[in-house]
Structures are given as structure tokens and as C-alpha cells.
PDB file of N, CA and C in Angstrom:
ATOM      1  N   MET A   1     -63.219  -7.006  28.391  1.00  0.00           N
ATOM      2  CA  MET A   1     -64.218  -6.336  29.196  1.00  0.00           C
ATOM      3  C   MET A   1     -64.204  -6.896  30.618  1.00  0.00           C
ATOM      4  N   ASN A   2     -64.320  -6.038  31.584  1.00  0.00           N
ATOM      5  CA  ASN A   2     -64.342  -6.430  32.993  1.00  0.00           C
ATOM      6  C   ASN A   2     -65.787  -6.539  33.456  1.00  0.00           C
ATOM      7  N   GLN A   3     -66.092  -7.615  34.171  1.00  0.00           N
ATOM      8  CA  GLN A   3     -67.446  -7.831  34.652  1.00  0.00           C
ATOM      9  C   GLN A   3     -67.513  -7.601  36.151  1.00  0.00           C
ATOM     10  N   LEU A   4     -68.608  -7.018  36.588  1.00  0.00           N
ATOM     11  CA  LEU A   4     -68.848  -6.743  37.988  1.00  0.00           C
ATOM     12  C   LEU A   4     -68.768  -8.029  38.809  1.00  0.00           C
ATOM     13  N   GLY A   5     -68.016  -7.997  39.915  1.00  0.00           N
ATOM     14  CA  GLY A   5     -67.925  -9.137  40.821  1.00  0.00           C
ATOM     15  C   GLY A   5     -66.805 -10.116  40.515  1.00  0.00           C
ATOM     16  N   LYS A   6     -66.088  -9.937  39.407  1.00  0.00           N
ATOM     17  CA  LYS A   6     -64.987 -10.841  39.067  1.00  0.00           C
ATOM     18  C   LYS A   6     -63.752 -10.488  39.889  1.00  0.00           C
ATOM     19  N   ARG A   7     -62.990 -11.502  40.274  1.00  0.00           N
ATOM     20  CA  ARG A   7     -61.741 -11.305  41.008  1.00  0.00           C
ATOM     21  C   ARG A   7     -60.573 -11.546  40.071  1.00  0.00           C
ATOM     22  N   PHE A   8     -59.567 -10.690  40.181  1.00  0.00           N
ATOM     23  CA  PHE A   8     -58.360 -10.798  39.378  1.00  0.00           C
ATOM     24  C   PHE A   8     -57.181 -10.977  40.305  1.00  0.00           C
ATOM     25  N   ARG A   9     -56.168 -11.738  39.869  1.00  0.00           N
ATOM     26  CA  ARG A   9     -54.983 -11.988  40.701  1.00  0.00           C
ATOM     27  C   ARG A   9     -53.727 -11.790  39.862  1.00  0.00           C
ATOM     28  N   CYS A  10     -52.744 -11.083  40.424  1.00  0.00           N
ATOM     29  CA  CYS A  10     -51.454 -10.884  39.775  1.00  0.00           C
ATOM     30  C   CYS A  10     -50.597 -12.133  40.000  1.00  0.00           C
ATOM     31  N   GLU A  11     -50.082 -12.699  38.919  1.00  0.00           N
ATOM     32  CA  GLU A  11     -49.242 -13.892  39.014  1.00  0.00           C
ATOM     33  C   GLU A  11     -47.850 -13.562  39.555  1.00  0.00           C
ATOM     34  N   VAL A  12     -47.437 -12.297  39.485  1.00  0.00           N
ATOM     35  CA  VAL A  12     -46.099 -11.896  39.923  1.00  0.00           C
ATOM     36  C   VAL A  12     -46.054 -11.632  41.428  1.00  0.00           C
ATOM     37  N   CYS A  13     -46.946 -10.744  41.915  1.00  0.00           N
ATOM     38  CA  CYS A  13     -46.863 -10.340  43.328  1.00  0.00           C
ATOM     39  C   CYS A  13     -48.006 -10.867  44.195  1.00  0.00           C
ATOM     40  N   GLY A  14     -49.037 -11.457  43.589  1.00  0.00           N
ATOM     41  CA  GLY A  14     -50.131 -12.039  44.351  1.00  0.00           C
ATOM     42  C   GLY A  14     -51.234 -11.070  44.742  1.00  0.00           C
ATOM     43  N   THR A  15     -51.186  -9.837  44.252  1.00  0.00           N
ATOM     44  CA  THR A  15     -52.231  -8.870  44.557  1.00  0.00           C
ATOM     45  C   THR A  15     -53.558  -9.342  43.979  1.00  0.00           C
ATOM     46  N   GLU A  16     -54.646  -9.189  44.754  1.00  0.00           N
ATOM     47  CA  GLU A  16     -55.975  -9.561  44.287  1.00  0.00           C
ATOM     48  C   GLU A  16     -56.843  -8.316  44.193  1.00  0.00           C
ATOM     49  N   VAL A  17     -57.675  -8.251  43.138  1.00  0.00           N
ATOM     50  CA  VAL A  17     -58.539  -7.106  42.882  1.00  0.00           C
ATOM     51  C   VAL A  17     -59.954  -7.620  42.649  1.00  0.00           C
ATOM     52  N   LEU A  18     -60.937  -6.934  43.214  1.00  0.00           N
ATOM     53  CA  LEU A  18     -62.343  -7.244  42.984  1.00  0.00           C
ATOM     54  C   LEU A  18     -62.924  -6.136  42.118  1.00  0.00           C
ATOM     55  N   CYS A  19     -63.548  -6.506  41.008  1.00  0.00           N
ATOM     56  CA  CYS A  19     -64.131  -5.529  40.091  1.00  0.00           C
ATOM     57  C   CYS A  19     -65.445  -5.023  40.671  1.00  0.00           C
ATOM     58  N   THR A  20     -65.523  -3.727  40.957  1.00  0.00           N
ATOM     59  CA  THR A  20     -66.729  -3.141  41.537  1.00  0.00           C
ATOM     60  C   THR A  20     -67.524  -2.334  40.521  1.00  0.00           C
ATOM     61  N   LYS A  21     -66.979  -2.173  39.318  1.00  0.00           N
ATOM     62  CA  LYS A  21     -67.683  -1.462  38.261  1.00  0.00           C
ATOM     63  C   LYS A  21     -67.221  -2.035  36.926  1.00  0.00           C
ATOM     64  N   GLY A  22     -68.141  -2.640  36.174  1.00  0.00           N
ATOM     65  CA  GLY A  22     -67.800  -3.250  34.888  1.00  0.00           C
ATOM     66  C   GLY A  22     -67.473  -2.195  33.847  1.00  0.00           C
ATOM     67  N   GLY A  23     -66.747  -2.614  32.809  1.00  0.00           N
ATOM     68  CA  GLY A  23     -66.413  -1.687  31.736  1.00  0.00           C
ATOM     69  C   GLY A  23     -65.364  -2.253  30.809  1.00  0.00           C
ATOM     70  N   GLU A  24     -64.973  -1.451  29.837  1.00  0.00           N
ATOM     71  CA  GLU A  24     -63.953  -1.832  28.861  1.00  0.00           C
ATOM     72  C   GLU A  24     -62.570  -1.699  29.478  1.00  0.00           C
ATOM     73  N   GLY A  25     -61.615  -2.406  28.891  1.00  0.00           N
ATOM     74  CA  GLY A  25     -60.238  -2.294  29.343  1.00  0.00           C
ATOM     75  C   GLY A  25     -59.747  -3.566  30.004  1.00  0.00           C
ATOM     76  N   THR A  26     -58.533  -3.506  30.514  1.00  0.00           N
ATOM     77  CA  THR A  26     -57.934  -4.659  31.173  1.00  0.00           C
ATOM     78  C   THR A  26     -57.405  -4.230  32.539  1.00  0.00           C
ATOM     79  N   VAL A  27     -57.266  -5.200  33.421  1.00  0.00           N
ATOM     80  CA  VAL A  27     -56.699  -4.954  34.746  1.00  0.00           C
ATOM     81  C   VAL A  27     -55.258  -5.442  34.690  1.00  0.00           C
ATOM     82  N   SER A  28     -54.307  -4.586  35.065  1.00  0.00           N
ATOM     83  CA  SER A  28     -52.907  -4.989  34.995  1.00  0.00           C
ATOM     84  C   SER A  28     -52.170  -4.610  36.271  1.00  0.00           C
ATOM     85  N   CYS A  29     -51.110  -5.369  36.529  1.00  0.00           N
ATOM     86  CA  CYS A  29     -50.262  -5.156  37.697  1.00  0.00           C
ATOM     87  C   CYS A  29     -48.875  -5.683  37.335  1.00  0.00           C
ATOM     88  N   CYS A  30     -47.840  -5.071  37.819  1.00  0.00           N
ATOM     89  CA  CYS A  30     -46.459  -5.483  37.563  1.00  0.00           C
ATOM     90  C   CYS A  30     -46.167  -5.579  36.065  1.00  0.00           C
ATOM     91  N   GLY A  31     -46.846  -4.748  35.269  1.00  0.00           N
ATOM     92  CA  GLY A  31     -46.609  -4.715  33.832  1.00  0.00           C
ATOM     93  C   GLY A  31     -47.250  -5.849  33.047  1.00  0.00           C
ATOM     94  N   LYS A  32     -48.086  -6.663  33.706  1.00  0.00           N
ATOM     95  CA  LYS A  32     -48.743  -7.784  33.032  1.00  0.00           C
ATOM     96  C   LYS A  32     -50.240  -7.749  33.308  1.00  0.00           C
ATOM     97  N   GLU A  33     -51.018  -8.309  32.374  1.00  0.00           N
ATOM     98  CA  GLU A  33     -52.458  -8.387  32.563  1.00  0.00           C
ATOM     99  C   GLU A  33     -52.774  -9.388  33.671  1.00  0.00           C
ATOM    100  N   MET A  34     -53.683  -9.015  34.570  1.00  0.00           N
ATOM    101  CA  MET A  34     -54.054  -9.891  35.681  1.00  0.00           C
ATOM    102  C   MET A  34     -55.013 -10.975  35.187  1.00  0.00           C
ATOM    103  N   GLN A  35     -54.943 -12.159  35.798  1.00  0.00           N
ATOM    104  CA  GLN A  35     -55.761 -13.294  35.406  1.00  0.00           C
ATOM    105  C   GLN A  35     -57.033 -13.352  36.250  1.00  0.00           C
ATOM    106  N   VAL A  36     -58.160 -13.710  35.608  1.00  0.00           N
ATOM    107  CA  VAL A  36     -59.432 -13.867  36.317  1.00  0.00           C
ATOM    108  C   VAL A  36     -59.354 -15.134  37.161  1.00  0.00           C
ATOM    109  N   GLN A  37     -59.753 -15.038  38.439  1.00  0.00           N
ATOM    110  CA  GLN A  37     -59.753 -16.200  39.309  1.00  0.00           C
ATOM    111  C   GLN A  37     -61.047 -16.978  39.131  1.00  0.00           C
ATOM    112  N   GLU A  38     -60.940 -18.293  39.175  1.00  0.00           N
ATOM    113  CA  GLU A  38     -62.105 -19.157  39.106  1.00  0.00           C
ATOM    114  C   GLU A  38     -62.759 -19.207  40.487  1.00  0.00           C
ATOM    115  N   PRO A  39     -64.075 -19.413  40.526  1.00  0.00           N
ATOM    116  CA  PRO A  39     -64.739 -19.519  41.835  1.00  0.00           C
ATOM    117  C   PRO A  39     -64.199 -20.705  42.621  1.00  0.00           C
ATOM    118  N   ARG A  40     -64.115 -20.544  43.929  1.00  0.00           N
ATOM    119  CA  ARG A  40     -63.635 -21.631  44.781  1.00  0.00           C
ATOM    120  C   ARG A  40     -64.782 -22.623  44.999  1.00  0.00           C
ATOM    121  N   PRO A  41     -64.499 -23.917  44.967  1.00  0.00           N
ATOM    122  CA  PRO A  41     -65.562 -24.893  45.203  1.00  0.00           C
ATOM    123  C   PRO A  41     -66.047 -24.837  46.651  1.00  0.00           C
ATOM    124  N   LEU A  42     -67.340 -25.013  46.816  1.00  0.00           N
ATOM    125  CA  LEU A  42     -67.897 -25.029  48.165  1.00  0.00           C
ATOM    126  C   LEU A  42     -67.638 -26.382  48.810  1.00  0.00           C
ATOM    127  N   PRO A  43     -67.431 -26.415  50.124  1.00  0.00           N
ATOM    128  CA  PRO A  43     -67.204 -27.695  50.794  1.00  0.00           C
ATOM    129  C   PRO A  43     -68.465 -28.559  50.732  1.00  0.00           C
ATOM    130  N   SER A  44     -68.269 -29.838  50.699  1.00  0.00           N
ATOM    131  CA  SER A  44     -69.383 -30.781  50.669  1.00  0.00           C
ATOM    132  C   SER A  44     -70.116 -30.765  51.998  1.00  0.00           C
ATOM    133  N   SER A  45     -71.429 -30.894  51.949  1.00  0.00           N
ATOM    134  CA  SER A  45     -72.216 -30.892  53.185  1.00  0.00           C
ATOM    135  C   SER A  45     -72.670 -32.311  53.555  1.00  0.00           C
ATOM    136  N   ASP A  46     -71.964 -33.301  53.045  1.00  0.00           N
ATOM    137  CA  ASP A  46     -72.333 -34.711  53.322  1.00  0.00           C
ATOM    138  C   ASP A  46     -72.136 -35.064  54.756  1.00  0.00           C
TER     139      ASP A  46
END
């Protein structure tokens, strides 16, 4: 299932996709399922 706001990245060509509507199914590119990207850490404000 795809969740609204999740980012996906193709490991083959580097294409990035932002999910704008949740639903069933998978996101694929270059014949492979795209991987969900983890959130980037915020810089420290020290």
C-alpha cells in the first residue's frame, strides 16, 4: 500500500516520486519496485 507523502526512489536510474494519493499497488520503475526513502535527518541547531 502506498501512503500519502512518502517518497520513492529508483535504485537503477535515480528517479524520485512523491506519493500524492494513497492506495493499493506498488510503485515501479525500470522493471523493479521502487524503494521508500527514509526521512532526512534535520541539522543540529546547537
